[in-house]
PDB file of N, CA and C in Angstrom:
ATOM      1  N   MET A   1    -136.883 -45.695 172.486  1.00  0.00           N
ATOM      2  CA  MET A   1    -136.860 -45.000 171.031  1.00  0.00           C
ATOM      3  C   MET A   1    -137.830 -44.230 171.294  1.00  0.00           C
ATOM      4  N   VAL A   2    -137.786 -43.155 170.239  1.00  0.00           N
ATOM      5  CA  VAL A   2    -139.020 -41.918 170.203  1.00  0.00           C
ATOM      6  C   VAL A   2    -139.210 -41.599 168.653  1.00  0.00           C
ATOM      7  N   VAL A   3    -140.560 -41.589 168.244  1.00  0.00           N
ATOM      8  CA  VAL A   3    -140.850 -41.161 167.115  1.00  0.00           C
ATOM      9  C   VAL A   3    -141.373 -39.337 167.322  1.00  0.00           C
ATOM     10  N   ILE A   4    -140.487 -38.754 166.284  1.00  0.00           N
ATOM     11  CA  ILE A   4    -140.424 -37.508 166.710  1.00  0.00           C
ATOM     12  C   ILE A   4    -141.023 -37.052 165.397  1.00  0.00           C
ATOM     13  N   TYR A   5    -142.170 -36.229 165.603  1.00  0.00           N
ATOM     14  CA  TYR A   5    -142.828 -35.653 164.111  1.00  0.00           C
ATOM     15  C   TYR A   5    -143.296 -34.386 164.206  1.00  0.00           C
ATOM     16  N   PHE A   6    -143.392 -33.600 163.073  1.00  0.00           N
ATOM     17  CA  PHE A   6    -144.000 -32.144 162.950  1.00  0.00           C
ATOM     18  C   PHE A   6    -145.564 -32.247 162.204  1.00  0.00           C
ATOM     19  N   SER A   7    -146.542 -32.125 162.794  1.00  0.00           N
ATOM     20  CA  SER A   7    -147.335 -32.213 161.805  1.00  0.00           C
ATOM     21  C   SER A   7    -148.413 -31.105 162.295  1.00  0.00           C
ATOM     22  N   ARG A   8    -149.196 -30.904 160.987  1.00  0.00           N
ATOM     23  CA  ARG A   8    -150.186 -29.700 161.055  1.00  0.00           C
ATOM     24  C   ARG A   8    -151.777 -30.298 160.889  1.00  0.00           C
ATOM     25  N   LYS A   9    -152.621 -29.368 162.068  1.00  0.00           N
ATOM     26  CA  LYS A   9    -153.815 -29.718 161.710  1.00  0.00           C
ATOM     27  C   LYS A   9    -154.509 -28.321 161.421  1.00  0.00           C
ATOM     28  N   ASP A  10    -155.660 -28.252 161.652  1.00  0.00           N
ATOM     29  CA  ASP A  10    -156.447 -27.181 161.466  1.00  0.00           C
ATOM     30  C   ASP A  10    -156.686 -27.102 159.335  1.00  0.00           C
ATOM     31  N   GLU A  11    -157.236 -26.216 158.971  1.00  0.00           N
ATOM     32  CA  GLU A  11    -157.203 -26.326 157.181  1.00  0.00           C
ATOM     33  C   GLU A  11    -156.033 -27.247 156.608  1.00  0.00           C
ATOM     34  N   ASN A  12    -156.216 -28.059 155.590  1.00  0.00           N
ATOM     35  CA  ASN A  12    -155.482 -28.632 154.512  1.00  0.00           C
ATOM     36  C   ASN A  12    -156.422 -29.154 153.783  1.00  0.00           C
ATOM     37  N   LEU A  13    -155.256 -29.008 152.570  1.00  0.00           N
ATOM     38  CA  LEU A  13    -155.294 -29.440 151.343  1.00  0.00           C
ATOM     39  C   LEU A  13    -155.974 -31.286 151.230  1.00  0.00           C
ATOM     40  N   ILE A  14    -157.125 -31.502 150.951  1.00  0.00           N
ATOM     41  CA  ILE A  14    -157.208 -32.897 150.904  1.00  0.00           C
ATOM     42  C   ILE A  14    -157.959 -33.255 149.780  1.00  0.00           C
ATOM     43  N   CYS A  15    -157.435 -33.983 149.009  1.00  0.00           N
ATOM     44  CA  CYS A  15    -158.043 -34.255 147.241  1.00  0.00           C
ATOM     45  C   CYS A  15    -158.903 -33.377 146.804  1.00  0.00           C
ATOM     46  N   GLY A  16    -157.730 -32.064 146.797  1.00  0.00           N
ATOM     47  CA  GLY A  16    -158.582 -30.870 146.464  1.00  0.00           C
ATOM     48  C   GLY A  16    -159.150 -29.912 146.771  1.00  0.00           C
ATOM     49  N   LYS A  17    -159.731 -30.099 147.870  1.00  0.00           N
ATOM     50  CA  LYS A  17    -160.581 -29.559 148.858  1.00  0.00           C
ATOM     51  C   LYS A  17    -159.755 -28.972 150.245  1.00  0.00           C
ATOM     52  N   ILE A  18    -160.066 -27.937 150.489  1.00  0.00           N
ATOM     53  CA  ILE A  18    -159.579 -27.294 151.811  1.00  0.00           C
ATOM     54  C   ILE A  18    -160.463 -28.138 152.910  1.00  0.00           C
ATOM     55  N   GLU A  19    -160.417 -28.869 153.927  1.00  0.00           N
ATOM     56  CA  GLU A  19    -160.599 -29.552 154.841  1.00  0.00           C
ATOM     57  C   GLU A  19    -160.519 -28.950 156.316  1.00  0.00           C
ATOM     58  N   ASP A  20    -160.992 -28.949 157.374  1.00  0.00           N
ATOM     59  CA  ASP A  20    -160.100 -28.145 158.544  1.00  0.00           C
ATOM     60  C   ASP A  20    -160.235 -30.236 159.768  1.00  0.00           C
ATOM     61  N   LEU A  21    -158.564 -30.103 160.009  1.00  0.00           N
ATOM     62  CA  LEU A  21    -158.546 -31.242 160.365  1.00  0.00           C
ATOM     63  C   LEU A  21    -158.448 -31.408 161.857  1.00  0.00           C
ATOM     64  N   SER A  22    -158.842 -31.841 162.898  1.00  0.00           N
ATOM     65  CA  SER A  22    -158.159 -32.078 164.373  1.00  0.00           C
ATOM     66  C   SER A  22    -157.176 -32.401 164.301  1.00  0.00           C
ATOM     67  N   VAL A  23    -156.420 -33.556 163.998  1.00  0.00           N
ATOM     68  CA  VAL A  23    -155.168 -33.982 164.198  1.00  0.00           C
ATOM     69  C   VAL A  23    -154.705 -33.736 162.780  1.00  0.00           C
ATOM     70  N   GLY A  24    -153.703 -33.619 162.680  1.00  0.00           N
ATOM     71  CA  GLY A  24    -152.695 -33.578 161.494  1.00  0.00           C
ATOM     72  C   GLY A  24    -151.910 -35.067 160.662  1.00  0.00           C
ATOM     73  N   ASN A  25    -152.221 -35.161 159.532  1.00  0.00           N
ATOM     74  CA  ASN A  25    -151.823 -36.412 159.177  1.00  0.00           C
ATOM     75  C   ASN A  25    -150.716 -36.988 159.573  1.00  0.00           C
ATOM     76  N   THR A  26    -149.736 -35.973 159.670  1.00  0.00           N
ATOM     77  CA  THR A  26    -148.321 -36.809 159.901  1.00  0.00           C
ATOM     78  C   THR A  26    -148.460 -37.369 161.382  1.00  0.00           C
ATOM     79  N   GLN A  27    -149.129 -36.313 162.513  1.00  0.00           N
ATOM     80  CA  GLN A  27    -149.252 -37.175 163.398  1.00  0.00           C
ATOM     81  C   GLN A  27    -149.626 -38.842 163.711  1.00  0.00           C
ATOM     82  N   ILE A  28    -150.917 -38.764 162.732  1.00  0.00           N
ATOM     83  CA  ILE A  28    -151.627 -39.873 162.883  1.00  0.00           C
ATOM     84  C   ILE A  28    -150.684 -40.974 162.170  1.00  0.00           C
ATOM     85  N   LEU A  29    -149.917 -40.674 161.639  1.00  0.00           N
ATOM     86  CA  LEU A  29    -148.842 -41.971 160.915  1.00  0.00           C
ATOM     87  C   LEU A  29    -147.866 -42.247 162.092  1.00  0.00           C
ATOM     88  N   ALA A  30    -147.394 -41.051 162.888  1.00  0.00           N
ATOM     89  CA  ALA A  30    -146.594 -41.298 163.639  1.00  0.00           C
ATOM     90  C   ALA A  30    -146.594 -41.901 164.605  1.00  0.00           C
ATOM     91  N   GLU A  31    -148.116 -41.360 165.107  1.00  0.00           N
ATOM     92  CA  GLU A  31    -148.377 -42.554 166.505  1.00  0.00           C
ATOM     93  C   GLU A  31    -148.476 -43.906 165.735  1.00  0.00           C
ATOM     94  N   LYS A  32    -149.240 -44.156 164.527  1.00  0.00           N
ATOM     95  CA  LYS A  32    -149.033 -45.201 164.138  1.00  0.00           C
ATOM     96  C   LYS A  32    -148.063 -45.963 164.107  1.00  0.00           C
ATOM     97  N   ILE A  33    -146.856 -45.498 163.764  1.00  0.00           N
ATOM     98  CA  ILE A  33    -145.667 -46.175 164.137  1.00  0.00           C
ATOM     99  C   ILE A  33    -144.798 -46.407 165.331  1.00  0.00           C
ATOM    100  N   GLY A  34    -145.481 -45.472 166.172  1.00  0.00           N
ATOM    101  CA  GLY A  34    -144.853 -45.413 167.515  1.00  0.00           C
ATOM    102  C   GLY A  34    -145.746 -46.656 167.929  1.00  0.00           C
ATOM    103  N   GLU A  35    -146.661 -47.029 168.011  1.00  0.00           N
ATOM    104  CA  GLU A  35    -147.314 -48.295 168.121  1.00  0.00           C
ATOM    105  C   GLU A  35    -146.964 -49.511 167.826  1.00  0.00           C
ATOM    106  N   TYR A  36    -146.313 -49.515 166.489  1.00  0.00           N
ATOM    107  CA  TYR A  36    -145.876 -50.770 165.630  1.00  0.00           C
ATOM    108  C   TYR A  36    -144.548 -50.738 166.166  1.00  0.00           C
ATOM    109  N   VAL A  37    -144.004 -50.025 166.760  1.00  0.00           N
ATOM    110  CA  VAL A  37    -141.974 -50.414 166.988  1.00  0.00           C
ATOM    111  C   VAL A  37    -142.179 -50.115 168.700  1.00  0.00           C
ATOM    112  N   GLN A  38    -143.815 -49.647 169.170  1.00  0.00           N
ATOM    113  CA  GLN A  38    -143.440 -49.260 170.613  1.00  0.00           C
ATOM    114  C   GLN A  38    -142.679 -48.760 171.446  1.00  0.00           C
ATOM    115  N   ALA A  39    -143.036 -47.522 171.012  1.00  0.00           N
ATOM    116  CA  ALA A  39    -141.705 -46.207 171.664  1.00  0.00           C
ATOM    117  C   ALA A  39    -142.912 -45.315 171.399  1.00  0.00           C
ATOM    118  N   GLU A  40    -142.521 -44.012 172.102  1.00  0.00           N
ATOM    119  CA  GLU A  40    -143.057 -43.450 172.511  1.00  0.00           C
ATOM    120  C   GLU A  40    -143.256 -42.062 171.153  1.00  0.00           C
ATOM    121  N   THR A  41    -144.414 -40.969 171.423  1.00  0.00           N
ATOM    122  CA  THR A  41    -144.196 -40.222 170.354  1.00  0.00           C
ATOM    123  C   THR A  41    -144.061 -39.148 170.980  1.00  0.00           C
ATOM    124  N   LEU A  42    -143.146 -37.976 170.303  1.00  0.00           N
ATOM    125  CA  LEU A  42    -142.856 -36.595 170.320  1.00  0.00           C
ATOM    126  C   LEU A  42    -142.859 -35.368 168.990  1.00  0.00           C
ATOM    127  N   GLU A  43    -144.143 -34.582 169.345  1.00  0.00           N
ATOM    128  CA  GLU A  43    -143.989 -33.635 168.546  1.00  0.00           C
ATOM    129  C   GLU A  43    -143.301 -32.727 168.638  1.00  0.00           C
ATOM    130  N   ILE A  44    -142.919 -32.048 167.458  1.00  0.00           N
ATOM    131  CA  ILE A  44    -142.083 -31.242 167.378  1.00  0.00           C
ATOM    132  C   ILE A  44    -143.117 -29.709 167.169  1.00  0.00           C
ATOM    133  N   CYS A  45    -142.986 -28.741 167.980  1.00  0.00           N
ATOM    134  CA  CYS A  45    -143.797 -27.599 167.684  1.00  0.00           C
ATOM    135  C   CYS A  45    -143.130 -26.286 167.374  1.00  0.00           C
ATOM    136  N   PRO A  46    -143.563 -25.402 166.553  1.00  0.00           N
ATOM    137  CA  PRO A  46    -142.726 -24.092 166.233  1.00  0.00           C
ATOM    138  C   PRO A  46    -143.256 -23.077 167.312  1.00  0.00           C
ATOM    139  N   VAL A  47    -142.246 -22.345 167.623  1.00  0.00           N
ATOM    140  CA  VAL A  47    -142.115 -21.279 168.451  1.00  0.00           C
ATOM    141  C   VAL A  47    -143.247 -20.160 168.357  1.00  0.00           C
ATOM    142  N   LYS A  48    -143.960 -20.081 166.903  1.00  0.00           N
ATOM    143  CA  LYS A  48    -144.921 -18.881 166.345  1.00  0.00           C
ATOM    144  C   LYS A  48    -145.498 -20.174 165.424  1.00  0.00           C
ATOM    145  N   GLN A  49    -146.852 -19.999 166.116  1.00  0.00           N
ATOM    146  CA  GLN A  49    -147.582 -20.993 165.263  1.00  0.00           C
ATOM    147  C   GLN A  49    -147.966 -20.525 164.134  1.00  0.00           C
ATOM    148  N   TYR A  50    -147.835 -21.402 163.353  1.00  0.00           N
ATOM    149  CA  TYR A  50    -148.505 -21.114 161.865  1.00  0.00           C
ATOM    150  C   TYR A  50    -149.609 -20.205 161.487  1.00  0.00           C
ATOM    151  N   PRO A  51    -150.392 -19.658 161.002  1.00  0.00           N
ATOM    152  CA  PRO A  51    -151.682 -19.714 160.495  1.00  0.00           C
ATOM    153  C   PRO A  51    -152.543 -20.659 160.393  1.00  0.00           C
ATOM    154  N   LYS A  52    -153.758 -20.482 161.553  1.00  0.00           N
ATOM    155  CA  LYS A  52    -154.592 -21.932 160.730  1.00  0.00           C
ATOM    156  C   LYS A  52    -155.172 -22.157 159.341  1.00  0.00           C
ATOM    157  N   ASN A  53    -155.735 -20.776 158.636  1.00  0.00           N
ATOM    158  CA  ASN A  53    -156.242 -20.403 157.626  1.00  0.00           C
ATOM    159  C   ASN A  53    -154.903 -21.092 156.733  1.00  0.00           C
ATOM    160  N   TYR A  54    -155.580 -22.311 155.518  1.00  0.00           N
ATOM    161  CA  TYR A  54    -154.460 -22.954 154.910  1.00  0.00           C
ATOM    162  C   TYR A  54    -153.699 -21.891 153.607  1.00  0.00           C
ATOM    163  N   HIS A  55    -154.374 -20.987 152.918  1.00  0.00           N
ATOM    164  CA  HIS A  55    -153.924 -20.036 152.221  1.00  0.00           C
ATOM    165  C   HIS A  55    -152.779 -19.021 152.887  1.00  0.00           C
ATOM    166  N   GLU A  56    -152.716 -18.717 153.808  1.00  0.00           N
ATOM    167  CA  GLU A  56    -152.116 -17.725 154.928  1.00  0.00           C
ATOM    168  C   GLU A  56    -151.107 -18.714 155.148  1.00  0.00           C
ATOM    169  N   MET A  57    -150.872 -20.029 155.767  1.00  0.00           N
ATOM    170  CA  MET A  57    -150.678 -21.078 155.879  1.00  0.00           C
ATOM    171  C   MET A  57    -148.916 -21.132 154.709  1.00  0.00           C
ATOM    172  N   ILE A  58    -149.452 -21.231 153.711  1.00  0.00           N
ATOM    173  CA  ILE A  58    -148.759 -21.553 152.458  1.00  0.00           C
ATOM    174  C   ILE A  58    -147.871 -19.920 152.054  1.00  0.00           C
ATOM    175  N   ALA A  59    -148.782 -19.055 152.370  1.00  0.00           N
ATOM    176  CA  ALA A  59    -147.784 -17.677 152.304  1.00  0.00           C
ATOM    177  C   ALA A  59    -146.961 -17.852 153.132  1.00  0.00           C
ATOM    178  N   GLN A  60    -147.004 -18.045 154.385  1.00  0.00           N
ATOM    179  CA  GLN A  60    -146.259 -18.000 155.280  1.00  0.00           C
ATOM    180  C   GLN A  60    -144.641 -18.785 155.068  1.00  0.00           C
ATOM    181  N   ALA A  61    -145.112 -20.114 154.546  1.00  0.00           N
ATOM    182  CA  ALA A  61    -144.044 -21.591 154.180  1.00  0.00           C
ATOM    183  C   ALA A  61    -143.165 -20.589 153.282  1.00  0.00           C
ATOM    184  N   GLU A  62    -143.763 -20.135 152.409  1.00  0.00           N
ATOM    185  CA  GLU A  62    -143.060 -19.793 151.305  1.00  0.00           C
ATOM    186  C   GLU A  62    -142.118 -18.804 151.268  1.00  0.00           C
ATOM    187  N   LYS A  63    -142.416 -17.435 152.209  1.00  0.00           N
ATOM    188  CA  LYS A  63    -141.444 -16.362 152.878  1.00  0.00           C
ATOM    189  C   LYS A  63    -140.354 -17.256 153.719  1.00  0.00           C
ATOM    190  N   GLU A  64    -140.945 -18.065 154.169  1.00  0.00           N
ATOM    191  CA  GLU A  64    -139.819 -18.826 155.136  1.00  0.00           C
ATOM    192  C   GLU A  64    -138.668 -20.044 154.217  1.00  0.00           C
ATOM    193  N   LYS A  65    -139.265 -19.994 153.096  1.00  0.00           N
ATOM    194  CA  LYS A  65    -138.114 -20.999 152.249  1.00  0.00           C
ATOM    195  C   LYS A  65    -136.902 -20.047 151.995  1.00  0.00           C
TER     196      LYS A  65
END
């Protein structure tokens, strides 16, 4: 069994404020699930990284929709 996740660190919107995260929220949750079910975790990484700046990342994601 493996827990596969896609997570974003860097600038994120947390409680209405932009904060710089060293580890993405989804990664934290995936690792906790992995520990609980005794499974390894595997991160999905995009071929081209998203911008670290929150607003630039949102603009990129909107274009991709």
